[in-house]
Amino acid sequence: MGKIVVMGAGSWGTALARIIASKGNNVTLWDYNEERAELLQKSRVNKKFLPNAEFPETLQVTSKIEGLLDGVEYLIMAVPSQVLRSVMEKISCQLTEKTIIVNTAKGIEISTGMRLSQVIKDEILGKFHKNIVILSGPTHAEEVAKNLPSTIVAAGESECAKKIQELFNTENFRVYESNDIIGVELGGAVKNGIAIAAGAADGIGLGDNTKAALITRGLAEMIRFGEALGAKAETFSGLSGMGDLIVTCASTHSRNRYVGQKLGEGRKLQEILDEMEMVAEGVPTVKAVYELAQKKKVSMPILEGVYKVLYEDKLATEMVKELMTRDLKREF
């Protein structure tokens, strides 16, 4: 196996690095903070995010970026969506046509409206763009680190996607293959906005009926949006669509659901974000999706409601009332 580097030592980057290293591969996990990287290397555990998941012997940690990717075969990007471009700017000169780039963040770049694979292509100037794979699905790092059975999708050109499928697959981490990069990316991005709505329903004190409605009608919005941007409708019925939507709307591990819950309880957005140690990707992504939906004239009432709560200070209770009193329509 060739050189493997995971960029981003948050919970998900750490969990993924552990999976690959546990199969006997030599893996380098990169963190931008020198002090934190040294602590991870010395303690052999990410006490901040995954305190009970010790590092395999074949997993090393560094903060050095010069020469880090020389000869790298697999580059796993696990940095937040809104900083992906800045990190790619620093490392793109080290990449070659032999490198397979795997992106694991879920979002859309606010400044450009680009999907994250497009951001990567932009930074590598289109070179070896067929080597980009998207890894996405209903996989919270906390459960993956405990080796609880989980499933995920690797989307990309067939040969590259198959290699990533084989790289990550274990008896507790089952990887499926897809060629619908657009659908897999958009499913992972848009579901975070719907999860904020589901969390808001929890915070207000609404019931299971409400959450079921938000998940189901949220899925309909994801499909409409995806088709407008060139995705396959059936992709959203799979793990990276429906599967990821369900777990993100329901799980206590979900940062986006948590943000929505606190908004439903009457907290202010900035106050919530200031208290969080990890990134809630849905907050910036909602803005990007909303602007794209407006441009493409895609009807997304739930997503639009979340946008108004996040960026126009609308109360979550008002969002629910607006959604429930819209003009009557056919379901399909």
C-alpha atoms as a PDB file:
ATOM      1  CA  MET A   1       0.000   0.000   0.000  1.00  0.00           C
ATOM      2  CA  GLY A   2       1.252   3.476  -0.919  1.00  0.00           C
ATOM      3  CA  LYS A   3       1.524   6.547   1.253  1.00  0.00           C
ATOM      4  CA  ILE A   4      -1.717   7.601   2.998  1.00  0.00           C
ATOM      5  CA  VAL A   5      -2.359  11.026   4.549  1.00  0.00           C
ATOM      6  CA  VAL A   6      -5.479  12.204   6.385  1.00  0.00           C
ATOM      7  CA  MET A   7      -5.793  15.997   6.567  1.00  0.00           C
ATOM      8  CA  GLY A   8      -7.797  17.102   9.608  1.00  0.00           C
ATOM      9  CA  ALA A   9      -7.557  15.598  13.099  1.00  0.00           C
ATOM     10  CA  GLY A  10     -11.098  16.293  14.232  1.00  0.00           C
ATOM     11  CA  SER A  11     -13.417  13.475  15.244  1.00  0.00           C
ATOM     12  CA  TRP A  12     -14.117  12.266  11.697  1.00  0.00           C
ATOM     13  CA  GLY A  13     -10.565  12.553  10.414  1.00  0.00           C
ATOM     14  CA  THR A  14      -9.327  10.659  13.468  1.00  0.00           C
ATOM     15  CA  ALA A  15     -11.964   7.945  13.087  1.00  0.00           C
ATOM     16  CA  LEU A  16     -11.146   7.421   9.411  1.00  0.00           C
ATOM     17  CA  ALA A  17      -7.395   7.390  10.037  1.00  0.00           C
ATOM     18  CA  ARG A  18      -7.910   4.697  12.690  1.00  0.00           C
ATOM     19  CA  ILE A  19      -9.911   2.534  10.288  1.00  0.00           C
ATOM     20  CA  ILE A  20      -7.205   2.539   7.618  1.00  0.00           C
ATOM     21  CA  ALA A  21      -4.357   2.127  10.105  1.00  0.00           C
ATOM     22  CA  SER A  22      -6.133  -0.747  11.869  1.00  0.00           C
ATOM     23  CA  LYS A  23      -5.812  -2.695   8.608  1.00  0.00           C
ATOM     24  CA  GLY A  24      -2.024  -2.496   8.864  1.00  0.00           C
ATOM     25  CA  ASN A  25      -1.524   0.543   6.635  1.00  0.00           C
ATOM     26  CA  ASN A  26       0.937   3.287   7.556  1.00  0.00           C
ATOM     27  CA  VAL A  27      -1.137   6.459   7.943  1.00  0.00           C
ATOM     28  CA  THR A  28      -0.153  10.047   8.702  1.00  0.00           C
ATOM     29  CA  LEU A  29      -2.804  12.219  10.370  1.00  0.00           C
ATOM     30  CA  TRP A  30      -2.278  15.968   9.927  1.00  0.00           C
ATOM     31  CA  ASP A  31      -3.417  18.746  12.270  1.00  0.00           C
ATOM     32  CA  TYR A  32      -2.693  22.402  11.534  1.00  0.00           C
ATOM     33  CA  ASN A  33      -1.909  23.092  15.206  1.00  0.00           C
ATOM     34  CA  GLU A  34       1.631  22.024  16.133  1.00  0.00           C
ATOM     35  CA  GLU A  35       0.982  21.744  19.863  1.00  0.00           C
ATOM     36  CA  ARG A  36      -2.136  19.657  19.357  1.00  0.00           C
ATOM     37  CA  ALA A  37      -0.419  17.381  16.834  1.00  0.00           C
ATOM     38  CA  GLU A  38       2.413  16.736  19.278  1.00  0.00           C
ATOM     39  CA  LEU A  39      -0.096  15.928  22.021  1.00  0.00           C
ATOM     40  CA  LEU A  40      -1.940  13.459  19.787  1.00  0.00           C
ATOM     41  CA  GLN A  41       1.308  11.785  18.767  1.00  0.00           C
ATOM     42  CA  LYS A  42       2.450  11.475  22.372  1.00  0.00           C
ATOM     43  CA  SER A  43      -0.844  10.470  24.027  1.00  0.00           C
ATOM     44  CA  ARG A  44      -1.877   8.115  21.173  1.00  0.00           C
ATOM     45  CA  VAL A  45      -5.522   9.116  21.562  1.00  0.00           C
ATOM     46  CA  ASN A  46      -7.704  12.092  20.591  1.00  0.00           C
ATOM     47  CA  LYS A  47      -8.875  12.895  24.108  1.00  0.00           C
ATOM     48  CA  LYS A  48     -10.872  15.924  22.987  1.00  0.00           C
ATOM     49  CA  PHE A  49     -13.076  14.196  20.407  1.00  0.00           C
ATOM     50  CA  LEU A  50     -12.682  10.403  20.713  1.00  0.00           C
ATOM     51  CA  PRO A  51     -11.259   9.818  24.211  1.00  0.00           C
ATOM     52  CA  ASN A  52     -11.611   6.020  24.265  1.00  0.00           C
ATOM     53  CA  ALA A  53     -10.271   5.269  20.792  1.00  0.00           C
ATOM     54  CA  GLU A  54      -6.542   4.535  20.987  1.00  0.00           C
ATOM     55  CA  PHE A  55      -4.356   4.925  17.894  1.00  0.00           C
ATOM     56  CA  PRO A  56      -2.960   1.853  16.118  1.00  0.00           C
ATOM     57  CA  GLU A  57       0.849   1.662  16.019  1.00  0.00           C
ATOM     58  CA  THR A  58       0.803   2.430  12.278  1.00  0.00           C
ATOM     59  CA  LEU A  59      -0.901   5.816  12.802  1.00  0.00           C
ATOM     60  CA  GLN A  60       1.395   8.833  13.189  1.00  0.00           C
ATOM     61  CA  VAL A  61       0.456  12.501  13.697  1.00  0.00           C
ATOM     62  CA  THR A  62       2.155  15.648  12.416  1.00  0.00           C
ATOM     63  CA  SER A  63       1.565  19.349  11.832  1.00  0.00           C
ATOM     64  CA  LYS A  64       4.274  19.686   9.175  1.00  0.00           C
ATOM     65  CA  ILE A  65       3.001  20.369   5.678  1.00  0.00           C
ATOM     66  CA  GLU A  66       6.209  20.781   3.670  1.00  0.00           C
ATOM     67  CA  GLY A  67       6.874  17.555   1.807  1.00  0.00           C
ATOM     68  CA  LEU A  68       3.963  15.863   3.600  1.00  0.00           C
ATOM     69  CA  LEU A  69       2.327  14.681   0.392  1.00  0.00           C
ATOM     70  CA  ASP A  70       5.404  13.750  -1.614  1.00  0.00           C
ATOM     71  CA  GLY A  71       4.540  10.441  -3.260  1.00  0.00           C
ATOM     72  CA  VAL A  72       1.151  10.221  -1.554  1.00  0.00           C
ATOM     73  CA  GLU A  73      -1.238   7.666  -3.081  1.00  0.00           C
ATOM     74  CA  TYR A  74      -4.335   8.385  -0.987  1.00  0.00           C
ATOM     75  CA  LEU A  75      -5.140  11.843   0.360  1.00  0.00           C
ATOM     76  CA  ILE A  76      -8.148  11.939   2.703  1.00  0.00           C
ATOM     77  CA  MET A  77      -9.527  15.445   3.228  1.00  0.00           C
ATOM     78  CA  ALA A  78     -11.359  15.736   6.558  1.00  0.00           C
ATOM     79  CA  VAL A  79     -11.266  19.500   7.091  1.00  0.00           C
ATOM     80  CA  PRO A  80     -14.424  21.678   7.386  1.00  0.00           C
ATOM     81  CA  SER A  81     -16.066  22.573   4.085  1.00  0.00           C
ATOM     82  CA  GLN A  82     -15.454  26.318   4.347  1.00  0.00           C
ATOM     83  CA  VAL A  83     -11.687  25.902   4.864  1.00  0.00           C
ATOM     84  CA  LEU A  84     -11.208  23.166   2.254  1.00  0.00           C
ATOM     85  CA  ARG A  85     -10.084  25.623  -0.419  1.00  0.00           C
ATOM     86  CA  SER A  86      -7.458  27.297   1.778  1.00  0.00           C
ATOM     87  CA  VAL A  87      -5.964  23.921   2.718  1.00  0.00           C
ATOM     88  CA  MET A  88      -5.970  22.738  -0.899  1.00  0.00           C
ATOM     89  CA  GLU A  89      -4.164  25.931  -1.907  1.00  0.00           C
ATOM     90  CA  LYS A  90      -1.312  24.972   0.411  1.00  0.00           C
ATOM     91  CA  ILE A  91      -0.930  21.377  -0.726  1.00  0.00           C
ATOM     92  CA  SER A  92      -1.989  21.177  -4.387  1.00  0.00           C
ATOM     93  CA  CYS A  93       1.587  21.661  -5.630  1.00  0.00           C
ATOM     94  CA  GLN A  94       2.581  18.393  -3.910  1.00  0.00           C
ATOM     95  CA  LEU A  95      -0.040  16.278  -5.691  1.00  0.00           C
ATOM     96  CA  THR A  96       0.468  14.156  -8.807  1.00  0.00           C
ATOM     97  CA  GLU A  97      -1.701  12.145 -11.168  1.00  0.00           C
ATOM     98  CA  LYS A  98      -1.075   9.111  -8.945  1.00  0.00           C
ATOM     99  CA  THR A  99      -2.890  10.707  -5.998  1.00  0.00           C
ATOM    100  CA  ILE A 100      -6.494   9.760  -5.274  1.00  0.00           C
ATOM    101  CA  ILE A 101      -8.174  12.582  -3.339  1.00  0.00           C
ATOM    102  CA  VAL A 102     -11.024  11.625  -1.020  1.00  0.00           C
ATOM    103  CA  ASN A 103     -13.230  14.366   0.390  1.00  0.00           C
ATOM    104  CA  THR A 104     -15.265  13.610   3.503  1.00  0.00           C
ATOM    105  CA  ALA A 105     -16.644  17.027   4.520  1.00  0.00           C
ATOM    106  CA  LYS A 106     -20.329  17.724   3.826  1.00  0.00           C
ATOM    107  CA  GLY A 107     -21.174  21.173   2.584  1.00  0.00           C
ATOM    108  CA  ILE A 108     -21.214  23.735  -0.214  1.00  0.00           C
ATOM    109  CA  GLU A 109     -18.778  26.631  -0.431  1.00  0.00           C
ATOM    110  CA  ILE A 110     -20.630  29.829   0.454  1.00  0.00           C
ATOM    111  CA  SER A 111     -18.502  32.239  -1.579  1.00  0.00           C
ATOM    112  CA  THR A 112     -18.904  30.339  -4.866  1.00  0.00           C
ATOM    113  CA  GLY A 113     -21.836  27.939  -4.463  1.00  0.00           C
ATOM    114  CA  MET A 114     -19.504  25.140  -5.555  1.00  0.00           C
ATOM    115  CA  ARG A 115     -19.770  21.552  -4.442  1.00  0.00           C
ATOM    116  CA  LEU A 116     -16.628  20.469  -2.618  1.00  0.00           C
ATOM    117  CA  SER A 117     -15.371  18.258  -5.436  1.00  0.00           C
ATOM    118  CA  GLN A 118     -15.590  21.345  -7.648  1.00  0.00           C
ATOM    119  CA  VAL A 119     -13.547  23.306  -5.113  1.00  0.00           C
ATOM    120  CA  ILE A 120     -10.856  20.621  -5.221  1.00  0.00           C
ATOM    121  CA  LYS A 121     -10.874  20.592  -9.039  1.00  0.00           C
ATOM    122  CA  ASP A 122     -10.561  24.361  -8.998  1.00  0.00           C
ATOM    123  CA  GLU A 123      -7.481  24.222  -6.790  1.00  0.00           C
ATOM    124  CA  ILE A 124      -5.726  21.462  -8.721  1.00  0.00           C
ATOM    125  CA  LEU A 125      -6.554  23.332 -11.952  1.00  0.00           C
ATOM    126  CA  GLY A 126      -8.480  20.397 -13.348  1.00  0.00           C
ATOM    127  CA  LYS A 127      -5.433  18.096 -13.323  1.00  0.00           C
ATOM    128  CA  PHE A 128      -6.258  14.431 -12.684  1.00  0.00           C
ATOM    129  CA  HIS A 129      -9.792  15.544 -11.678  1.00  0.00           C
ATOM    130  CA  LYS A 130     -11.074  12.003 -12.256  1.00  0.00           C
ATOM    131  CA  ASN A 131      -9.109  10.976  -9.164  1.00  0.00           C
ATOM    132  CA  ILE A 132     -11.592  12.658  -6.790  1.00  0.00           C
ATOM    133  CA  VAL A 133     -13.842  10.447  -4.633  1.00  0.00           C
ATOM    134  CA  ILE A 134     -16.570  11.535  -2.220  1.00  0.00           C
ATOM    135  CA  LEU A 135     -17.014   9.493   0.967  1.00  0.00           C
ATOM    136  CA  SER A 136     -20.370  10.155   2.625  1.00  0.00           C
ATOM    137  CA  GLY A 137     -23.158   8.456   4.546  1.00  0.00           C
ATOM    138  CA  PRO A 138     -24.837   7.936   7.958  1.00  0.00           C
ATOM    139  CA  THR A 139     -21.647   7.609   9.999  1.00  0.00           C
ATOM    140  CA  HIS A 140     -21.117   9.505  13.224  1.00  0.00           C
ATOM    141  CA  ALA A 141     -17.474   9.328  14.265  1.00  0.00           C
ATOM    142  CA  GLU A 142     -18.317   8.449  17.857  1.00  0.00           C
ATOM    143  CA  GLU A 143     -19.971   5.183  16.800  1.00  0.00           C
ATOM    144  CA  VAL A 144     -17.450   4.354  14.083  1.00  0.00           C
ATOM    145  CA  ALA A 145     -14.683   4.688  16.692  1.00  0.00           C
ATOM    146  CA  LYS A 146     -16.509   2.107  18.832  1.00  0.00           C
ATOM    147  CA  ASN A 147     -16.543  -0.308  15.875  1.00  0.00           C
ATOM    148  CA  LEU A 148     -20.336  -0.306  15.743  1.00  0.00           C
ATOM    149  CA  PRO A 149     -21.599  -1.540  12.347  1.00  0.00           C
ATOM    150  CA  SER A 150     -21.814   1.401   9.934  1.00  0.00           C
ATOM    151  CA  THR A 151     -22.252   1.871   6.188  1.00  0.00           C
ATOM    152  CA  ILE A 152     -21.038   4.563   3.804  1.00  0.00           C
ATOM    153  CA  VAL A 153     -20.779   5.373   0.083  1.00  0.00           C
ATOM    154  CA  ALA A 154     -17.674   6.032  -2.029  1.00  0.00           C
ATOM    155  CA  ALA A 155     -18.677   8.020  -5.124  1.00  0.00           C
ATOM    156  CA  GLY A 156     -16.415   8.682  -8.073  1.00  0.00           C
ATOM    157  CA  GLU A 157     -14.973   7.254 -11.276  1.00  0.00           C
ATOM    158  CA  SER A 158     -15.354   3.480 -11.101  1.00  0.00           C
ATOM    159  CA  GLU A 159     -11.678   2.527 -10.713  1.00  0.00           C
ATOM    160  CA  CYS A 160     -10.951   5.125  -8.037  1.00  0.00           C
ATOM    161  CA  ALA A 161     -14.193   4.500  -6.148  1.00  0.00           C
ATOM    162  CA  LYS A 162     -13.448   0.765  -6.030  1.00  0.00           C
ATOM    163  CA  LYS A 163      -9.983   1.445  -4.604  1.00  0.00           C
ATOM    164  CA  ILE A 164     -11.469   3.604  -1.834  1.00  0.00           C
ATOM    165  CA  GLN A 165     -14.143   1.000  -1.206  1.00  0.00           C
ATOM    166  CA  GLU A 166     -11.415  -1.581  -0.615  1.00  0.00           C
ATOM    167  CA  LEU A 167      -9.219   0.821   1.381  1.00  0.00           C
ATOM    168  CA  PHE A 168     -11.863   1.565   4.007  1.00  0.00           C
ATOM    169  CA  ASN A 169     -14.028  -1.552   4.082  1.00  0.00           C
ATOM    170  CA  THR A 170     -13.897  -3.636   7.274  1.00  0.00           C
ATOM    171  CA  GLU A 171     -16.232  -6.088   8.980  1.00  0.00           C
ATOM    172  CA  ASN A 172     -17.779  -3.164  10.877  1.00  0.00           C
ATOM    173  CA  PHE A 173     -17.475  -0.442   8.223  1.00  0.00           C
ATOM    174  CA  ARG A 174     -19.177  -1.491   5.009  1.00  0.00           C
ATOM    175  CA  VAL A 175     -18.480   0.667   1.950  1.00  0.00           C
ATOM    176  CA  TYR A 176     -20.756   0.846  -1.094  1.00  0.00           C
ATOM    177  CA  GLU A 177     -19.762   2.277  -4.480  1.00  0.00           C
ATOM    178  CA  SER A 178     -21.554   4.941  -6.550  1.00  0.00           C
ATOM    179  CA  ASN A 179     -20.824   6.937  -9.697  1.00  0.00           C
ATOM    180  CA  ASP A 180     -23.169   9.804  -8.742  1.00  0.00           C
ATOM    181  CA  ILE A 181     -20.759  12.294  -7.192  1.00  0.00           C
ATOM    182  CA  ILE A 182     -23.270  15.140  -7.445  1.00  0.00           C
ATOM    183  CA  GLY A 183     -26.040  13.232  -5.662  1.00  0.00           C
ATOM    184  CA  VAL A 184     -23.804  11.886  -2.902  1.00  0.00           C
ATOM    185  CA  GLU A 185     -22.332  15.342  -2.267  1.00  0.00           C
ATOM    186  CA  LEU A 186     -25.676  17.138  -2.242  1.00  0.00           C
ATOM    187  CA  GLY A 187     -27.302  14.537  -0.014  1.00  0.00           C
ATOM    188  CA  GLY A 188     -24.581  15.000   2.583  1.00  0.00           C
ATOM    189  CA  ALA A 189     -24.791  18.782   2.364  1.00  0.00           C
ATOM    190  CA  VAL A 190     -28.532  19.488   2.246  1.00  0.00           C
ATOM    191  CA  LYS A 191     -29.544  17.025   4.974  1.00  0.00           C
ATOM    192  CA  ASN A 192     -27.690  19.171   7.522  1.00  0.00           C
ATOM    193  CA  GLY A 193     -30.143  22.016   6.980  1.00  0.00           C
ATOM    194  CA  ILE A 194     -33.102  19.675   7.424  1.00  0.00           C
ATOM    195  CA  ALA A 195     -31.482  18.356  10.610  1.00  0.00           C
ATOM    196  CA  ILE A 196     -31.436  21.899  12.011  1.00  0.00           C
ATOM    197  CA  ALA A 197     -35.198  22.038  11.427  1.00  0.00           C
ATOM    198  CA  ALA A 198     -35.654  18.663  13.126  1.00  0.00           C
ATOM    199  CA  GLY A 199     -33.601  19.854  16.086  1.00  0.00           C
ATOM    200  CA  ALA A 200     -35.677  23.011  16.299  1.00  0.00           C
ATOM    201  CA  ALA A 201     -38.792  20.830  16.540  1.00  0.00           C
ATOM    202  CA  ASP A 202     -37.162  18.997  19.459  1.00  0.00           C
ATOM    203  CA  GLY A 203     -36.283  22.282  21.141  1.00  0.00           C
ATOM    204  CA  ILE A 204     -39.809  23.608  20.804  1.00  0.00           C
ATOM    205  CA  GLY A 205     -41.162  20.379  22.271  1.00  0.00           C
ATOM    206  CA  LEU A 206     -42.966  19.009  19.219  1.00  0.00           C
ATOM    207  CA  GLY A 207     -43.441  15.302  18.714  1.00  0.00           C
ATOM    208  CA  ASP A 208     -42.476  12.355  16.546  1.00  0.00           C
ATOM    209  CA  ASN A 209     -45.174  13.210  14.011  1.00  0.00           C
ATOM    210  CA  THR A 210     -43.489  16.554  13.378  1.00  0.00           C
ATOM    211  CA  LYS A 211     -40.046  15.036  13.000  1.00  0.00           C
ATOM    212  CA  ALA A 212     -41.344  12.365  10.613  1.00  0.00           C
ATOM    213  CA  ALA A 213     -42.940  15.092   8.508  1.00  0.00           C
ATOM    214  CA  LEU A 214     -39.738  17.146   8.438  1.00  0.00           C
ATOM    215  CA  ILE A 215     -37.620  14.161   7.434  1.00  0.00           C
ATOM    216  CA  THR A 216     -40.006  13.014   4.713  1.00  0.00           C
ATOM    217  CA  ARG A 217     -40.728  16.426   3.218  1.00  0.00           C
ATOM    218  CA  GLY A 218     -37.061  17.340   3.672  1.00  0.00           C
ATOM    219  CA  LEU A 219     -36.130  14.343   1.524  1.00  0.00           C
ATOM    220  CA  ALA A 220     -38.506  15.614  -1.179  1.00  0.00           C
ATOM    221  CA  GLU A 221     -36.663  18.952  -1.116  1.00  0.00           C
ATOM    222  CA  MET A 222     -33.302  17.204  -1.365  1.00  0.00           C
ATOM    223  CA  ILE A 223     -34.454  15.276  -4.441  1.00  0.00           C
ATOM    224  CA  ARG A 224     -35.841  18.383  -6.177  1.00  0.00           C
ATOM    225  CA  PHE A 225     -32.663  20.313  -5.469  1.00  0.00           C
ATOM    226  CA  GLY A 226     -30.436  17.434  -6.523  1.00  0.00           C
ATOM    227  CA  GLU A 227     -32.206  16.856  -9.822  1.00  0.00           C
ATOM    228  CA  ALA A 228     -31.969  20.574 -10.622  1.00  0.00           C
ATOM    229  CA  LEU A 229     -28.189  20.325 -10.218  1.00  0.00           C
ATOM    230  CA  GLY A 230     -27.769  17.122 -12.216  1.00  0.00           C
ATOM    231  CA  ALA A 231     -27.986  14.395  -9.554  1.00  0.00           C
ATOM    232  CA  LYS A 232     -29.817  11.075  -9.901  1.00  0.00           C
ATOM    233  CA  ALA A 233     -33.086  10.963  -7.916  1.00  0.00           C
ATOM    234  CA  GLU A 234     -32.472   7.377  -6.764  1.00  0.00           C
ATOM    235  CA  THR A 235     -29.240   8.381  -5.001  1.00  0.00           C
ATOM    236  CA  PHE A 236     -31.298  10.237  -2.391  1.00  0.00           C
ATOM    237  CA  SER A 237     -33.112   7.024  -1.478  1.00  0.00           C
ATOM    238  CA  GLY A 238     -29.780   5.521  -0.452  1.00  0.00           C
ATOM    239  CA  LEU A 239     -27.279   5.856   2.365  1.00  0.00           C
ATOM    240  CA  SER A 240     -25.936   9.288   1.409  1.00  0.00           C
ATOM    241  CA  GLY A 241     -29.468  10.690   1.138  1.00  0.00           C
ATOM    242  CA  MET A 242     -32.206   9.120   3.230  1.00  0.00           C
ATOM    243  CA  GLY A 243     -29.773   7.238   5.460  1.00  0.00           C
ATOM    244  CA  ASP A 244     -27.703  10.285   6.366  1.00  0.00           C
ATOM    245  CA  LEU A 245     -30.858  12.398   6.739  1.00  0.00           C
ATOM    246  CA  ILE A 246     -32.400  10.009   9.260  1.00  0.00           C
ATOM    247  CA  VAL A 247     -29.321   9.693  11.459  1.00  0.00           C
ATOM    248  CA  THR A 248     -28.561  13.422  11.404  1.00  0.00           C
ATOM    249  CA  CYS A 249     -32.132  14.381  12.312  1.00  0.00           C
ATOM    250  CA  ALA A 250     -32.413  11.819  15.103  1.00  0.00           C
ATOM    251  CA  SER A 251     -28.989  11.306  16.696  1.00  0.00           C
ATOM    252  CA  THR A 252     -27.725  12.961  19.848  1.00  0.00           C
ATOM    253  CA  HIS A 253     -24.297  12.979  18.154  1.00  0.00           C
ATOM    254  CA  SER A 254     -25.569  15.349  15.448  1.00  0.00           C
ATOM    255  CA  ARG A 255     -24.131  18.854  15.773  1.00  0.00           C
ATOM    256  CA  ASN A 256     -26.670  20.260  13.324  1.00  0.00           C
ATOM    257  CA  ARG A 257     -29.621  18.780  15.188  1.00  0.00           C
ATOM    258  CA  TYR A 258     -28.105  20.227  18.377  1.00  0.00           C
ATOM    259  CA  VAL A 259     -27.916  23.728  16.872  1.00  0.00           C
ATOM    260  CA  GLY A 260     -31.561  23.462  15.853  1.00  0.00           C
ATOM    261  CA  GLN A 261     -32.585  22.228  19.285  1.00  0.00           C
ATOM    262  CA  LYS A 262     -30.963  25.177  21.008  1.00  0.00           C
ATOM    263  CA  LEU A 263     -32.551  27.582  18.524  1.00  0.00           C
ATOM    264  CA  GLY A 264     -35.908  25.972  19.298  1.00  0.00           C
ATOM    265  CA  GLU A 265     -35.265  26.579  22.978  1.00  0.00           C
ATOM    266  CA  GLY A 266     -34.838  30.276  22.232  1.00  0.00           C
ATOM    267  CA  ARG A 267     -31.027  30.562  22.219  1.00  0.00           C
ATOM    268  CA  LYS A 268     -29.199  32.900  19.823  1.00  0.00           C
ATOM    269  CA  LEU A 269     -27.210  31.340  16.988  1.00  0.00           C
ATOM    270  CA  GLN A 270     -23.859  32.983  17.684  1.00  0.00           C
ATOM    271  CA  GLU A 271     -24.104  32.084  21.352  1.00  0.00           C
ATOM    272  CA  ILE A 272     -24.683  28.432  20.411  1.00  0.00           C
ATOM    273  CA  LEU A 273     -21.797  28.334  17.949  1.00  0.00           C
ATOM    274  CA  ASP A 274     -19.407  30.013  20.388  1.00  0.00           C
ATOM    275  CA  GLU A 275     -19.993  27.205  22.882  1.00  0.00           C
ATOM    276  CA  MET A 276     -19.382  24.398  20.373  1.00  0.00           C
ATOM    277  CA  GLU A 277     -15.955  22.808  19.923  1.00  0.00           C
ATOM    278  CA  MET A 278     -16.820  21.131  16.620  1.00  0.00           C
ATOM    279  CA  VAL A 279     -18.172  22.641  13.404  1.00  0.00           C
ATOM    280  CA  ALA A 280     -21.879  22.479  12.518  1.00  0.00           C
ATOM    281  CA  GLU A 281     -21.546  22.332   8.728  1.00  0.00           C
ATOM    282  CA  GLY A 282     -25.244  22.978   8.224  1.00  0.00           C
ATOM    283  CA  VAL A 283     -25.072  26.614   9.323  1.00  0.00           C
ATOM    284  CA  PRO A 284     -22.994  27.927   6.395  1.00  0.00           C
ATOM    285  CA  THR A 285     -24.362  25.294   4.013  1.00  0.00           C
ATOM    286  CA  VAL A 286     -27.955  26.451   4.508  1.00  0.00           C
ATOM    287  CA  LYS A 287     -26.981  29.867   3.155  1.00  0.00           C
ATOM    288  CA  ALA A 288     -25.257  28.371   0.117  1.00  0.00           C
ATOM    289  CA  VAL A 289     -28.131  25.984  -0.641  1.00  0.00           C
ATOM    290  CA  TYR A 290     -30.732  28.712  -0.170  1.00  0.00           C
ATOM    291  CA  GLU A 291     -28.967  30.988  -2.655  1.00  0.00           C
ATOM    292  CA  LEU A 292     -28.571  28.165  -5.193  1.00  0.00           C
ATOM    293  CA  ALA A 293     -32.222  27.138  -4.791  1.00  0.00           C
ATOM    294  CA  GLN A 294     -33.320  30.718  -5.403  1.00  0.00           C
ATOM    295  CA  LYS A 295     -31.135  30.889  -8.505  1.00  0.00           C
ATOM    296  CA  LYS A 296     -32.420  27.547  -9.838  1.00  0.00           C
ATOM    297  CA  LYS A 297     -36.034  28.328  -8.784  1.00  0.00           C
ATOM    298  CA  VAL A 298     -36.285  25.144  -6.698  1.00  0.00           C
ATOM    299  CA  SER A 299     -39.044  25.044  -4.076  1.00  0.00           C
ATOM    300  CA  MET A 300     -37.463  24.261  -0.669  1.00  0.00           C
ATOM    301  CA  PRO A 301     -39.832  25.624   2.022  1.00  0.00           C
ATOM    302  CA  ILE A 302     -38.190  23.807   4.943  1.00  0.00           C
ATOM    303  CA  LEU A 303     -34.714  24.895   3.937  1.00  0.00           C
ATOM    304  CA  GLU A 304     -35.974  28.433   3.355  1.00  0.00           C
ATOM    305  CA  GLY A 305     -37.539  28.430   6.825  1.00  0.00           C
ATOM    306  CA  VAL A 306     -34.248  27.341   8.377  1.00  0.00           C
ATOM    307  CA  TYR A 307     -32.443  30.074   6.459  1.00  0.00           C
ATOM    308  CA  LYS A 308     -34.803  32.683   7.937  1.00  0.00           C
ATOM    309  CA  VAL A 309     -34.209  31.356  11.457  1.00  0.00           C
ATOM    310  CA  LEU A 310     -30.426  31.376  11.021  1.00  0.00           C
ATOM    311  CA  TYR A 311     -29.963  34.594   9.053  1.00  0.00           C
ATOM    312  CA  GLU A 312     -33.089  36.705   9.549  1.00  0.00           C
ATOM    313  CA  ASP A 313     -33.714  36.074  13.270  1.00  0.00           C
ATOM    314  CA  LYS A 314     -37.085  34.433  12.697  1.00  0.00           C
ATOM    315  CA  LEU A 315     -38.290  32.378  15.664  1.00  0.00           C
ATOM    316  CA  ALA A 316     -38.370  28.622  15.171  1.00  0.00           C
ATOM    317  CA  THR A 317     -42.036  28.588  16.248  1.00  0.00           C
ATOM    318  CA  GLU A 318     -42.847  31.040  13.463  1.00  0.00           C
ATOM    319  CA  MET A 319     -41.041  28.806  10.965  1.00  0.00           C
ATOM    320  CA  VAL A 320     -43.215  25.841  11.939  1.00  0.00           C
ATOM    321  CA  LYS A 321     -46.418  27.881  11.697  1.00  0.00           C
ATOM    322  CA  GLU A 322     -45.480  29.134   8.224  1.00  0.00           C
ATOM    323  CA  LEU A 323     -44.737  25.619   7.009  1.00  0.00           C
ATOM    324  CA  MET A 324     -48.030  24.251   8.349  1.00  0.00           C
ATOM    325  CA  THR A 325     -50.194  27.040   6.900  1.00  0.00           C
ATOM    326  CA  ARG A 326     -48.823  27.062   3.359  1.00  0.00           C
ATOM    327  CA  ASP A 327     -51.188  26.577   0.437  1.00  0.00           C
ATOM    328  CA  LEU A 328     -52.500  23.015   0.162  1.00  0.00           C
ATOM    329  CA  LYS A 329     -50.796  20.826  -2.457  1.00  0.00           C
ATOM    330  CA  ARG A 330     -50.564  17.273  -3.789  1.00  0.00           C
ATOM    331  CA  GLU A 331     -47.864  15.151  -2.191  1.00  0.00           C
ATOM    332  CA  PHE A 332     -46.315  14.048  -5.495  1.00  0.00           C
END
